[in-house]
């Protein structure tokens, strides 16, 4: 099902004079963009539409995070100046030597 949303644009001055009409239009599913000096400064929409859009954005963000975490789980760990194999073997050897000396 497709819902056609009529987008109406009006200036702040027009919006002041037409507030009841704006609320009726928004209630019917339209969106009203309010401009100041030709630039959009606000959009009046129904609260349920706003909640739906915010939820969609949140779900998209969660999906991107999940993909990043899944990718990180599958990727090998990279050593960045960390403990190399040879140095780790030396440390283990020293610990064992210290234990044997007791």
Foldseek 3Di string as FASTA:
>chain_A
DDDDAAEAEEEPVVCVVCVVVQVVSQVVPHKYFYDYPPHTDDIDHDPVVVVVVVVVVVVVVVVVVVVVVVVVVPDDDDDDPDDDPVNVVVVVVVVVVVVVVD
